[in-house]
Amino acid sequence: MTLAERLCAALSQTGGATPIEGDDYDRAAGDYRPAAVLVAVTDRSEPGVLLTLRQTNLRRHAGQIAFPGGRVDPEDADAEAAALREAEEEIGLDPALVEVVGATDIYRVGTGFSVTPVIGVVPPDLPLMPHEAEVAAIFEVPLMFLLQGSNHLQRSTEWEGRTRSFHEILWEDRRIWGATAGMIVNLSRRLRPLLA
């Protein structure tokens, strides 16, 4: 069975998994703008997930770790098209090299976006190129490390007069937190069969 087939089978086995949701930030569901990210899983004996370190001078999520992605533009056919377009723009990933497995649980973020994670399998060791204005670095984290529940730390902080809870995942010298960690936690709940 290929990696894409294994991922697809795992997603279909856990269709009833209850996802965590991003903080509602007192918005109605219709007040969120659609966005999409690409969860690019490298097809190797020990698969990894491609992540980016965002530039520190960006207006939103500066210096944070994120999946390649962004808002769904009017010219995008759907979330999948947006995720593939953004990945090409941000890290130079040719959409033709992505075997799309499917979308998973939508995650709402405080910046007003409703994010659809799109899972795709990509060949390993591609010559990717970060978009200098947006991406400081591209790196890969082992998929099984990200899926392991013991690596999902629960944190909280005071922000804008409220206590906000969030997840954090520490890998080597990288701190994955906030929406990206929340989407990974949701993904781990959907891909539990891979851990068996």
N, C-alpha and C. Protein backbone atom coordinates (compact mmCIF):
# COMPACT_ATOMS: atom_id res chain seq x y z
N MET A 1 0.85 -1.18 0.00
CA MET A 1 0.00 0.00 0.00
C MET A 1 0.89 1.24 0.00
N THR A 2 0.57 2.20 -0.86
CA THR A 2 1.36 3.43 -0.94
C THR A 2 1.08 4.31 0.28
N LEU A 3 1.94 5.31 0.49
CA LEU A 3 1.74 6.24 1.60
C LEU A 3 0.41 6.98 1.42
N ALA A 4 0.11 7.42 0.20
CA ALA A 4 -1.15 8.12 -0.04
C ALA A 4 -2.34 7.23 0.30
N GLU A 5 -2.27 5.95 -0.05
CA GLU A 5 -3.36 5.02 0.25
C GLU A 5 -3.49 4.81 1.76
N ARG A 6 -2.36 4.72 2.45
CA ARG A 6 -2.39 4.55 3.91
C ARG A 6 -3.00 5.77 4.59
N LEU A 7 -2.62 6.98 4.13
CA LEU A 7 -3.18 8.20 4.70
C LEU A 7 -4.68 8.28 4.44
N CYS A 8 -5.09 7.97 3.22
CA CYS A 8 -6.50 8.01 2.86
C CYS A 8 -7.30 7.01 3.70
N ALA A 9 -6.77 5.80 3.88
CA ALA A 9 -7.45 4.79 4.68
C ALA A 9 -7.57 5.22 6.13
N ALA A 10 -6.51 5.83 6.66
CA ALA A 10 -6.55 6.29 8.05
C ALA A 10 -7.59 7.38 8.22
N LEU A 11 -7.67 8.30 7.27
CA LEU A 11 -8.67 9.38 7.34
C LEU A 11 -10.08 8.82 7.30
N SER A 12 -10.29 7.83 6.46
CA SER A 12 -11.65 7.28 6.32
C SER A 12 -12.07 6.47 7.53
N GLN A 13 -11.12 5.87 8.25
CA GLN A 13 -11.43 5.08 9.44
C GLN A 13 -11.81 5.95 10.63
N THR A 14 -11.43 7.21 10.60
CA THR A 14 -11.67 8.08 11.76
C THR A 14 -12.57 9.24 11.41
N GLY A 15 -13.51 9.02 10.52
CA GLY A 15 -14.39 10.08 10.08
C GLY A 15 -15.17 10.72 11.22
N GLY A 16 -15.36 9.97 12.32
CA GLY A 16 -16.12 10.51 13.44
C GLY A 16 -15.27 11.15 14.52
N ALA A 17 -13.97 11.29 14.28
CA ALA A 17 -13.10 11.88 15.29
C ALA A 17 -13.53 13.31 15.59
N THR A 18 -13.54 13.67 16.86
CA THR A 18 -13.95 15.02 17.25
C THR A 18 -12.74 15.95 17.21
N PRO A 19 -12.75 16.94 16.31
CA PRO A 19 -11.61 17.84 16.23
C PRO A 19 -11.66 18.90 17.32
N ILE A 20 -10.48 19.39 17.68
CA ILE A 20 -10.45 20.60 18.50
C ILE A 20 -10.68 21.75 17.54
N GLU A 21 -11.15 22.86 18.04
CA GLU A 21 -11.38 24.01 17.18
C GLU A 21 -10.52 25.16 17.67
N GLY A 22 -10.16 26.04 16.75
CA GLY A 22 -9.46 27.24 17.13
C GLY A 22 -10.37 28.10 17.99
N ASP A 23 -9.80 29.03 18.70
CA ASP A 23 -10.59 29.92 19.55
C ASP A 23 -11.58 30.69 18.68
N ASP A 24 -12.81 30.82 19.15
CA ASP A 24 -13.83 31.49 18.34
C ASP A 24 -13.66 33.01 18.31
N TYR A 25 -12.93 33.59 19.23
CA TYR A 25 -12.66 35.03 19.25
C TYR A 25 -13.95 35.84 19.07
N ASP A 26 -15.05 35.30 19.59
CA ASP A 26 -16.35 35.98 19.57
C ASP A 26 -16.84 36.30 18.16
N ARG A 27 -16.48 35.50 17.18
CA ARG A 27 -16.97 35.69 15.82
C ARG A 27 -18.00 34.62 15.49
N ALA A 28 -18.97 34.98 14.65
CA ALA A 28 -19.90 33.99 14.12
C ALA A 28 -19.19 33.24 13.00
N ALA A 29 -19.62 32.00 12.73
CA ALA A 29 -18.97 31.17 11.73
C ALA A 29 -18.88 31.88 10.37
N GLY A 30 -19.90 32.65 10.01
CA GLY A 30 -19.91 33.32 8.72
C GLY A 30 -18.96 34.50 8.62
N ASP A 31 -18.37 34.90 9.74
CA ASP A 31 -17.45 36.04 9.75
C ASP A 31 -16.01 35.66 9.42
N TYR A 32 -15.77 34.39 9.15
CA TYR A 32 -14.42 33.94 8.84
C TYR A 32 -14.21 33.89 7.33
N ARG A 33 -13.02 34.28 6.90
CA ARG A 33 -12.66 34.20 5.50
C ARG A 33 -11.98 32.86 5.23
N PRO A 34 -12.28 32.23 4.09
CA PRO A 34 -11.69 30.92 3.82
C PRO A 34 -10.20 30.99 3.51
N ALA A 35 -9.47 30.03 4.05
CA ALA A 35 -8.03 29.89 3.79
C ALA A 35 -7.72 28.40 3.72
N ALA A 36 -6.52 28.10 3.26
CA ALA A 36 -6.11 26.69 3.14
C ALA A 36 -4.62 26.58 3.34
N VAL A 37 -4.19 25.45 3.88
CA VAL A 37 -2.77 25.14 4.02
C VAL A 37 -2.51 23.76 3.42
N LEU A 38 -1.27 23.54 3.00
CA LEU A 38 -0.89 22.24 2.48
C LEU A 38 -0.08 21.50 3.54
N VAL A 39 -0.58 20.35 3.94
CA VAL A 39 0.16 19.45 4.82
C VAL A 39 0.88 18.48 3.89
N ALA A 40 2.11 18.85 3.51
CA ALA A 40 2.88 18.08 2.53
C ALA A 40 3.67 17.00 3.27
N VAL A 41 3.32 15.74 3.01
CA VAL A 41 3.95 14.60 3.67
C VAL A 41 4.94 13.98 2.68
N THR A 42 6.18 13.87 3.09
CA THR A 42 7.21 13.34 2.20
C THR A 42 7.14 11.82 2.14
N ASP A 43 7.20 11.29 0.93
CA ASP A 43 7.07 9.85 0.69
C ASP A 43 8.43 9.17 0.84
N ARG A 44 8.72 8.82 2.08
CA ARG A 44 9.96 8.10 2.38
C ARG A 44 9.65 7.02 3.40
N SER A 45 10.62 6.17 3.74
CA SER A 45 10.36 5.07 4.67
C SER A 45 9.88 5.59 6.02
N GLU A 46 10.41 6.72 6.46
CA GLU A 46 9.90 7.41 7.64
C GLU A 46 9.41 8.78 7.17
N PRO A 47 8.12 8.89 6.84
CA PRO A 47 7.60 10.13 6.26
C PRO A 47 7.80 11.34 7.18
N GLY A 48 7.92 12.49 6.54
CA GLY A 48 8.03 13.74 7.28
C GLY A 48 6.97 14.71 6.80
N VAL A 49 6.86 15.84 7.48
CA VAL A 49 5.92 16.89 7.10
C VAL A 49 6.72 18.18 6.89
N LEU A 50 6.48 18.83 5.76
CA LEU A 50 7.18 20.08 5.45
C LEU A 50 6.52 21.24 6.19
N LEU A 51 7.34 22.02 6.87
CA LEU A 51 6.87 23.22 7.58
C LEU A 51 7.77 24.39 7.21
N THR A 52 7.24 25.59 7.45
CA THR A 52 8.02 26.79 7.17
C THR A 52 8.19 27.62 8.43
N LEU A 53 9.28 28.35 8.48
CA LEU A 53 9.49 29.37 9.49
C LEU A 53 9.22 30.69 8.81
N ARG A 54 8.22 31.42 9.29
CA ARG A 54 7.84 32.68 8.66
C ARG A 54 8.83 33.79 9.02
N GLN A 55 8.99 34.72 8.11
CA GLN A 55 9.89 35.86 8.34
C GLN A 55 9.42 36.65 9.56
N THR A 56 10.35 37.26 10.25
CA THR A 56 10.04 37.98 11.49
C THR A 56 9.41 39.35 11.25
N ASN A 57 9.43 39.84 10.02
CA ASN A 57 8.89 41.18 9.75
C ASN A 57 7.47 41.17 9.17
N LEU A 58 6.82 40.02 9.16
CA LEU A 58 5.47 39.94 8.60
C LEU A 58 4.45 40.52 9.57
N ARG A 59 3.33 41.01 9.03
CA ARG A 59 2.28 41.60 9.86
C ARG A 59 1.57 40.55 10.71
N ARG A 60 1.36 39.37 10.16
CA ARG A 60 0.64 38.33 10.88
C ARG A 60 1.51 37.09 11.05
N HIS A 61 1.46 36.54 12.23
CA HIS A 61 2.17 35.29 12.56
C HIS A 61 3.68 35.38 12.27
N ALA A 62 4.25 36.54 12.51
CA ALA A 62 5.67 36.76 12.25
C ALA A 62 6.52 35.82 13.09
N GLY A 63 7.53 35.21 12.46
CA GLY A 63 8.47 34.35 13.15
C GLY A 63 7.90 33.02 13.62
N GLN A 64 6.67 32.73 13.24
CA GLN A 64 6.05 31.47 13.67
C GLN A 64 6.28 30.36 12.65
N ILE A 65 6.07 29.14 13.11
CA ILE A 65 6.16 27.98 12.24
C ILE A 65 4.76 27.71 11.69
N ALA A 66 4.71 27.44 10.39
CA ALA A 66 3.42 27.27 9.73
C ALA A 66 3.52 26.29 8.56
N PHE A 67 2.36 25.77 8.17
CA PHE A 67 2.27 25.06 6.90
C PHE A 67 2.25 26.12 5.80
N PRO A 68 2.74 25.78 4.61
CA PRO A 68 2.56 26.74 3.52
C PRO A 68 1.06 26.90 3.24
N GLY A 69 0.63 28.14 3.07
CA GLY A 69 -0.80 28.36 2.80
C GLY A 69 -1.18 29.81 2.95
N GLY A 70 -2.46 30.06 2.76
CA GLY A 70 -2.98 31.42 2.85
C GLY A 70 -4.44 31.45 2.46
N ARG A 71 -4.95 32.63 2.21
CA ARG A 71 -6.38 32.77 1.94
C ARG A 71 -6.75 32.15 0.58
N VAL A 72 -8.01 31.77 0.48
CA VAL A 72 -8.56 31.28 -0.78
C VAL A 72 -8.93 32.51 -1.60
N ASP A 73 -8.28 32.70 -2.74
CA ASP A 73 -8.54 33.84 -3.61
C ASP A 73 -9.71 33.54 -4.55
N PRO A 74 -10.35 34.58 -5.09
CA PRO A 74 -11.49 34.36 -5.99
C PRO A 74 -11.16 33.47 -7.19
N GLU A 75 -9.92 33.52 -7.66
CA GLU A 75 -9.56 32.69 -8.82
C GLU A 75 -9.28 31.23 -8.46
N ASP A 76 -9.21 30.91 -7.17
CA ASP A 76 -9.00 29.52 -6.75
C ASP A 76 -10.31 28.74 -6.86
N ALA A 77 -10.25 27.57 -7.45
CA ALA A 77 -11.45 26.74 -7.60
C ALA A 77 -11.99 26.29 -6.25
N ASP A 78 -11.07 26.01 -5.31
CA ASP A 78 -11.47 25.51 -4.00
C ASP A 78 -10.26 25.58 -3.06
N ALA A 79 -10.42 25.01 -1.85
CA ALA A 79 -9.34 25.04 -0.86
C ALA A 79 -8.11 24.28 -1.36
N GLU A 80 -8.32 23.18 -2.04
CA GLU A 80 -7.19 22.42 -2.57
C GLU A 80 -6.37 23.26 -3.54
N ALA A 81 -7.04 23.95 -4.45
CA ALA A 81 -6.34 24.79 -5.42
C ALA A 81 -5.57 25.90 -4.70
N ALA A 82 -6.18 26.48 -3.67
CA ALA A 82 -5.51 27.55 -2.91
C ALA A 82 -4.28 27.02 -2.20
N ALA A 83 -4.40 25.85 -1.56
CA ALA A 83 -3.26 25.27 -0.84
C ALA A 83 -2.10 24.98 -1.79
N LEU A 84 -2.41 24.43 -2.96
CA LEU A 84 -1.35 24.13 -3.94
C LEU A 84 -0.71 25.40 -4.47
N ARG A 85 -1.54 26.42 -4.76
CA ARG A 85 -1.01 27.70 -5.26
C ARG A 85 -0.10 28.34 -4.23
N GLU A 86 -0.55 28.39 -2.98
CA GLU A 86 0.24 29.02 -1.92
C GLU A 86 1.56 28.26 -1.69
N ALA A 87 1.51 26.92 -1.75
CA ALA A 87 2.74 26.15 -1.56
C ALA A 87 3.73 26.42 -2.68
N GLU A 88 3.22 26.60 -3.88
CA GLU A 88 4.12 26.93 -4.99
C GLU A 88 4.72 28.32 -4.79
N GLU A 89 3.90 29.28 -4.35
CA GLU A 89 4.39 30.64 -4.14
C GLU A 89 5.37 30.73 -2.98
N GLU A 90 5.08 30.03 -1.88
CA GLU A 90 5.89 30.18 -0.66
C GLU A 90 7.15 29.34 -0.64
N ILE A 91 7.07 28.10 -1.18
CA ILE A 91 8.24 27.22 -1.07
C ILE A 91 8.69 26.64 -2.41
N GLY A 92 8.07 27.08 -3.50
CA GLY A 92 8.47 26.59 -4.82
C GLY A 92 8.09 25.16 -5.10
N LEU A 93 7.02 24.67 -4.48
CA LEU A 93 6.57 23.29 -4.66
C LEU A 93 5.68 23.20 -5.89
N ASP A 94 6.11 22.46 -6.90
CA ASP A 94 5.35 22.28 -8.13
C ASP A 94 4.08 21.50 -7.82
N PRO A 95 2.88 22.07 -8.08
CA PRO A 95 1.63 21.36 -7.79
C PRO A 95 1.54 19.99 -8.46
N ALA A 96 2.21 19.83 -9.61
CA ALA A 96 2.16 18.55 -10.32
C ALA A 96 2.84 17.43 -9.53
N LEU A 97 3.68 17.80 -8.55
CA LEU A 97 4.40 16.80 -7.75
C LEU A 97 3.63 16.40 -6.49
N VAL A 98 2.46 16.98 -6.27
CA VAL A 98 1.67 16.71 -5.06
C VAL A 98 0.55 15.73 -5.39
N GLU A 99 0.52 14.61 -4.70
CA GLU A 99 -0.59 13.67 -4.80
C GLU A 99 -1.56 14.01 -3.66
N VAL A 100 -2.63 14.71 -3.98
CA VAL A 100 -3.57 15.16 -2.95
C VAL A 100 -4.34 13.97 -2.40
N VAL A 101 -4.35 13.84 -1.08
CA VAL A 101 -5.06 12.77 -0.38
C VAL A 101 -6.47 13.25 -0.02
N GLY A 102 -6.59 14.48 0.42
CA GLY A 102 -7.89 15.04 0.77
C GLY A 102 -7.75 16.11 1.82
N ALA A 103 -8.88 16.71 2.15
CA ALA A 103 -8.91 17.77 3.17
C ALA A 103 -9.33 17.17 4.50
N THR A 104 -8.95 17.85 5.56
CA THR A 104 -9.33 17.39 6.90
C THR A 104 -9.99 18.55 7.65
N ASP A 105 -10.11 18.43 8.97
CA ASP A 105 -10.93 19.33 9.78
C ASP A 105 -10.55 20.80 9.66
N ILE A 106 -11.55 21.64 9.39
CA ILE A 106 -11.36 23.08 9.32
C ILE A 106 -10.97 23.62 10.70
N TYR A 107 -10.08 24.61 10.70
CA TYR A 107 -9.59 25.20 11.94
C TYR A 107 -9.72 26.71 11.85
N ARG A 108 -10.42 27.32 12.81
CA ARG A 108 -10.61 28.77 12.80
C ARG A 108 -9.51 29.44 13.63
N VAL A 109 -8.99 30.55 13.11
CA VAL A 109 -7.90 31.26 13.80
C VAL A 109 -8.32 32.68 14.13
N GLY A 110 -7.65 33.26 15.11
CA GLY A 110 -7.98 34.57 15.63
C GLY A 110 -7.84 35.70 14.64
N THR A 111 -7.09 35.48 13.56
CA THR A 111 -6.94 36.53 12.55
C THR A 111 -8.13 36.55 11.60
N GLY A 112 -9.15 35.72 11.88
CA GLY A 112 -10.39 35.78 11.10
C GLY A 112 -10.45 34.84 9.92
N PHE A 113 -9.63 33.80 9.91
CA PHE A 113 -9.64 32.84 8.81
C PHE A 113 -10.16 31.48 9.27
N SER A 114 -10.87 30.82 8.38
CA SER A 114 -11.32 29.45 8.56
C SER A 114 -10.44 28.60 7.64
N VAL A 115 -9.51 27.86 8.23
CA VAL A 115 -8.44 27.21 7.47
C VAL A 115 -8.76 25.75 7.21
N THR A 116 -8.68 25.35 5.94
CA THR A 116 -8.84 23.95 5.54
C THR A 116 -7.46 23.35 5.30
N PRO A 117 -7.03 22.38 6.12
CA PRO A 117 -5.77 21.69 5.85
C PRO A 117 -5.98 20.65 4.73
N VAL A 118 -5.16 20.73 3.70
CA VAL A 118 -5.21 19.79 2.58
C VAL A 118 -3.98 18.90 2.68
N ILE A 119 -4.19 17.61 2.74
CA ILE A 119 -3.08 16.66 2.88
C ILE A 119 -2.63 16.19 1.51
N GLY A 120 -1.34 16.23 1.28
CA GLY A 120 -0.79 15.75 0.02
C GLY A 120 0.53 15.05 0.24
N VAL A 121 0.82 14.08 -0.62
CA VAL A 121 2.09 13.34 -0.55
C VAL A 121 3.02 13.89 -1.63
N VAL A 122 4.27 14.14 -1.23
CA VAL A 122 5.26 14.69 -2.16
C VAL A 122 6.51 13.82 -2.14
N PRO A 123 7.27 13.82 -3.25
CA PRO A 123 8.54 13.08 -3.25
C PRO A 123 9.49 13.68 -2.21
N PRO A 124 10.40 12.87 -1.66
CA PRO A 124 11.36 13.39 -0.69
C PRO A 124 12.46 14.20 -1.37
N ASP A 125 13.08 15.06 -0.56
CA ASP A 125 14.30 15.78 -0.97
C ASP A 125 14.13 16.63 -2.24
N LEU A 126 12.98 17.28 -2.35
CA LEU A 126 12.77 18.18 -3.48
C LEU A 126 13.62 19.44 -3.30
N PRO A 127 14.08 20.04 -4.41
CA PRO A 127 14.86 21.29 -4.31
C PRO A 127 13.92 22.48 -4.13
N LEU A 128 13.41 22.65 -2.93
CA LEU A 128 12.45 23.72 -2.65
C LEU A 128 13.17 25.05 -2.43
N MET A 129 12.44 26.14 -2.70
CA MET A 129 13.03 27.47 -2.59
C MET A 129 12.08 28.38 -1.82
N PRO A 130 12.49 28.85 -0.63
CA PRO A 130 11.60 29.73 0.13
C PRO A 130 11.43 31.10 -0.53
N HIS A 131 10.21 31.61 -0.49
CA HIS A 131 9.92 32.97 -0.96
C HIS A 131 10.52 33.92 0.06
N GLU A 132 11.54 34.68 -0.33
CA GLU A 132 12.34 35.46 0.63
C GLU A 132 11.52 36.43 1.47
N ALA A 133 10.48 37.01 0.90
CA ALA A 133 9.70 38.00 1.64
C ALA A 133 8.84 37.38 2.74
N GLU A 134 8.49 36.09 2.59
CA GLU A 134 7.58 35.46 3.52
C GLU A 134 8.20 34.35 4.37
N VAL A 135 9.11 33.59 3.79
CA VAL A 135 9.60 32.36 4.42
C VAL A 135 11.09 32.46 4.72
N ALA A 136 11.44 32.30 6.00
CA ALA A 136 12.84 32.34 6.40
C ALA A 136 13.52 30.98 6.21
N ALA A 137 12.75 29.89 6.37
CA ALA A 137 13.32 28.55 6.26
C ALA A 137 12.23 27.53 5.99
N ILE A 138 12.65 26.43 5.37
CA ILE A 138 11.78 25.26 5.14
C ILE A 138 12.46 24.10 5.84
N PHE A 139 11.70 23.32 6.59
CA PHE A 139 12.28 22.16 7.26
C PHE A 139 11.25 21.05 7.33
N GLU A 140 11.72 19.88 7.72
CA GLU A 140 10.87 18.69 7.76
C GLU A 140 10.89 18.09 9.16
N VAL A 141 9.72 17.72 9.64
CA VAL A 141 9.58 17.08 10.95
C VAL A 141 9.01 15.68 10.73
N PRO A 142 9.52 14.66 11.39
CA PRO A 142 8.98 13.32 11.20
C PRO A 142 7.48 13.26 11.51
N LEU A 143 6.73 12.66 10.59
CA LEU A 143 5.28 12.57 10.75
C LEU A 143 4.91 11.87 12.05
N MET A 144 5.56 10.77 12.37
CA MET A 144 5.20 10.01 13.57
C MET A 144 5.46 10.82 14.84
N PHE A 145 6.48 11.66 14.84
CA PHE A 145 6.73 12.54 15.99
C PHE A 145 5.55 13.50 16.16
N LEU A 146 5.09 14.09 15.05
CA LEU A 146 3.99 15.04 15.12
C LEU A 146 2.68 14.38 15.56
N LEU A 147 2.48 13.13 15.17
CA LEU A 147 1.23 12.44 15.50
C LEU A 147 1.19 11.92 16.93
N GLN A 148 2.34 11.78 17.56
CA GLN A 148 2.42 11.20 18.91
C GLN A 148 1.82 12.15 19.95
N GLY A 149 0.75 11.72 20.59
CA GLY A 149 0.06 12.56 21.56
C GLY A 149 0.93 13.06 22.69
N SER A 150 1.93 12.28 23.09
CA SER A 150 2.80 12.70 24.19
C SER A 150 3.64 13.92 23.84
N ASN A 151 3.72 14.26 22.55
CA ASN A 151 4.47 15.46 22.12
C ASN A 151 3.59 16.71 22.03
N HIS A 152 2.29 16.57 22.32
CA HIS A 152 1.34 17.68 22.23
C HIS A 152 1.18 18.29 23.62
N LEU A 153 1.84 19.38 23.86
CA LEU A 153 1.78 20.04 25.16
C LEU A 153 0.64 21.05 25.20
N GLN A 154 -0.09 21.08 26.31
CA GLN A 154 -1.18 22.04 26.47
C GLN A 154 -0.65 23.25 27.23
N ARG A 155 -0.86 24.44 26.68
CA ARG A 155 -0.39 25.67 27.29
C ARG A 155 -1.54 26.67 27.38
N SER A 156 -1.34 27.72 28.17
CA SER A 156 -2.31 28.81 28.21
C SER A 156 -1.58 30.11 28.50
N THR A 157 -2.21 31.21 28.09
CA THR A 157 -1.65 32.54 28.32
C THR A 157 -2.78 33.56 28.40
N GLU A 158 -2.49 34.68 29.01
CA GLU A 158 -3.46 35.77 29.04
C GLU A 158 -3.25 36.64 27.81
N TRP A 159 -4.32 36.91 27.07
CA TRP A 159 -4.22 37.74 25.88
C TRP A 159 -5.54 38.48 25.68
N GLU A 160 -5.48 39.78 25.56
CA GLU A 160 -6.65 40.63 25.39
C GLU A 160 -7.70 40.37 26.48
N GLY A 161 -7.22 40.22 27.72
CA GLY A 161 -8.11 40.08 28.86
C GLY A 161 -8.74 38.71 29.03
N ARG A 162 -8.31 37.74 28.25
CA ARG A 162 -8.86 36.38 28.37
C ARG A 162 -7.73 35.36 28.46
N THR A 163 -8.04 34.25 29.10
CA THR A 163 -7.10 33.14 29.11
C THR A 163 -7.28 32.35 27.83
N ARG A 164 -6.22 32.22 27.07
CA ARG A 164 -6.25 31.47 25.81
C ARG A 164 -5.47 30.18 25.97
N SER A 165 -6.07 29.08 25.60
CA SER A 165 -5.39 27.78 25.63
C SER A 165 -4.90 27.45 24.23
N PHE A 166 -3.77 26.81 24.15
CA PHE A 166 -3.22 26.42 22.85
C PHE A 166 -2.31 25.22 23.02
N HIS A 167 -1.99 24.58 21.91
CA HIS A 167 -1.07 23.45 21.92
C HIS A 167 0.33 23.93 21.49
N GLU A 168 1.30 23.17 21.93
CA GLU A 168 2.69 23.46 21.58
C GLU A 168 3.39 22.13 21.35
N ILE A 169 4.22 22.07 20.31
CA ILE A 169 5.00 20.89 19.99
C ILE A 169 6.45 21.35 19.85
N LEU A 170 7.35 20.74 20.60
CA LEU A 170 8.76 21.12 20.55
C LEU A 170 9.53 20.04 19.79
N TRP A 171 10.20 20.45 18.74
CA TRP A 171 11.01 19.52 17.95
C TRP A 171 12.36 20.16 17.69
N GLU A 172 13.41 19.49 18.19
CA GLU A 172 14.76 20.03 18.12
C GLU A 172 14.73 21.47 18.65
N ASP A 173 15.17 22.45 17.87
CA ASP A 173 15.16 23.83 18.36
C ASP A 173 13.94 24.61 17.87
N ARG A 174 12.93 23.90 17.40
CA ARG A 174 11.74 24.54 16.82
C ARG A 174 10.56 24.47 17.79
N ARG A 175 9.80 25.56 17.87
CA ARG A 175 8.59 25.63 18.69
C ARG A 175 7.39 25.79 17.77
N ILE A 176 6.62 24.73 17.66
CA ILE A 176 5.41 24.73 16.83
C ILE A 176 4.25 24.96 17.79
N TRP A 177 3.48 26.01 17.57
CA TRP A 177 2.41 26.32 18.52
C TRP A 177 1.24 26.98 17.80
N GLY A 178 0.22 27.31 18.56
CA GLY A 178 -0.93 28.02 18.01
C GLY A 178 -1.70 27.21 17.00
N ALA A 179 -2.13 27.88 15.92
CA ALA A 179 -2.99 27.25 14.92
C ALA A 179 -2.31 26.06 14.26
N THR A 180 -1.02 26.17 13.97
CA THR A 180 -0.31 25.06 13.32
C THR A 180 -0.31 23.83 14.22
N ALA A 181 0.01 24.02 15.49
CA ALA A 181 -0.02 22.89 16.43
C ALA A 181 -1.44 22.35 16.59
N GLY A 182 -2.44 23.23 16.62
CA GLY A 182 -3.83 22.79 16.73
C GLY A 182 -4.23 21.93 15.55
N MET A 183 -3.83 22.32 14.35
CA MET A 183 -4.14 21.52 13.16
C MET A 183 -3.42 20.18 13.20
N ILE A 184 -2.19 20.16 13.73
CA ILE A 184 -1.46 18.90 13.86
C ILE A 184 -2.15 17.99 14.86
N VAL A 185 -2.62 18.54 15.97
CA VAL A 185 -3.34 17.73 16.96
C VAL A 185 -4.60 17.14 16.32
N ASN A 186 -5.35 17.94 15.57
CA ASN A 186 -6.52 17.41 14.86
C ASN A 186 -6.11 16.30 13.91
N LEU A 187 -5.03 16.53 13.17
CA LEU A 187 -4.56 15.53 12.21
C LEU A 187 -4.17 14.24 12.92
N SER A 188 -3.55 14.37 14.10
CA SER A 188 -3.14 13.17 14.84
C SER A 188 -4.36 12.34 15.23
N ARG A 189 -5.47 12.99 15.53
CA ARG A 189 -6.69 12.28 15.90
C ARG A 189 -7.28 11.56 14.69
N ARG A 190 -7.11 12.14 13.51
CA ARG A 190 -7.62 11.52 12.30
C ARG A 190 -6.70 10.41 11.79
N LEU A 191 -5.40 10.53 12.07
CA LEU A 191 -4.45 9.55 11.52
C LEU A 191 -3.97 8.53 12.56
N ARG A 192 -4.72 8.38 13.64
CA ARG A 192 -4.35 7.41 14.67
C ARG A 192 -4.05 6.01 14.14
N PRO A 193 -4.79 5.52 13.12
CA PRO A 193 -4.50 4.18 12.62
C PRO A 193 -3.06 4.00 12.15
N LEU A 194 -2.40 5.09 11.75
CA LEU A 194 -1.00 4.97 11.32
C LEU A 194 -0.08 4.65 12.48
N LEU A 195 -0.50 5.00 13.71
CA LEU A 195 0.33 4.76 14.89
C LEU A 195 0.20 3.33 15.40
N ALA A 196 -0.80 2.61 14.92
CA ALA A 196 -1.06 1.25 15.42
C ALA A 196 -0.01 0.27 14.92
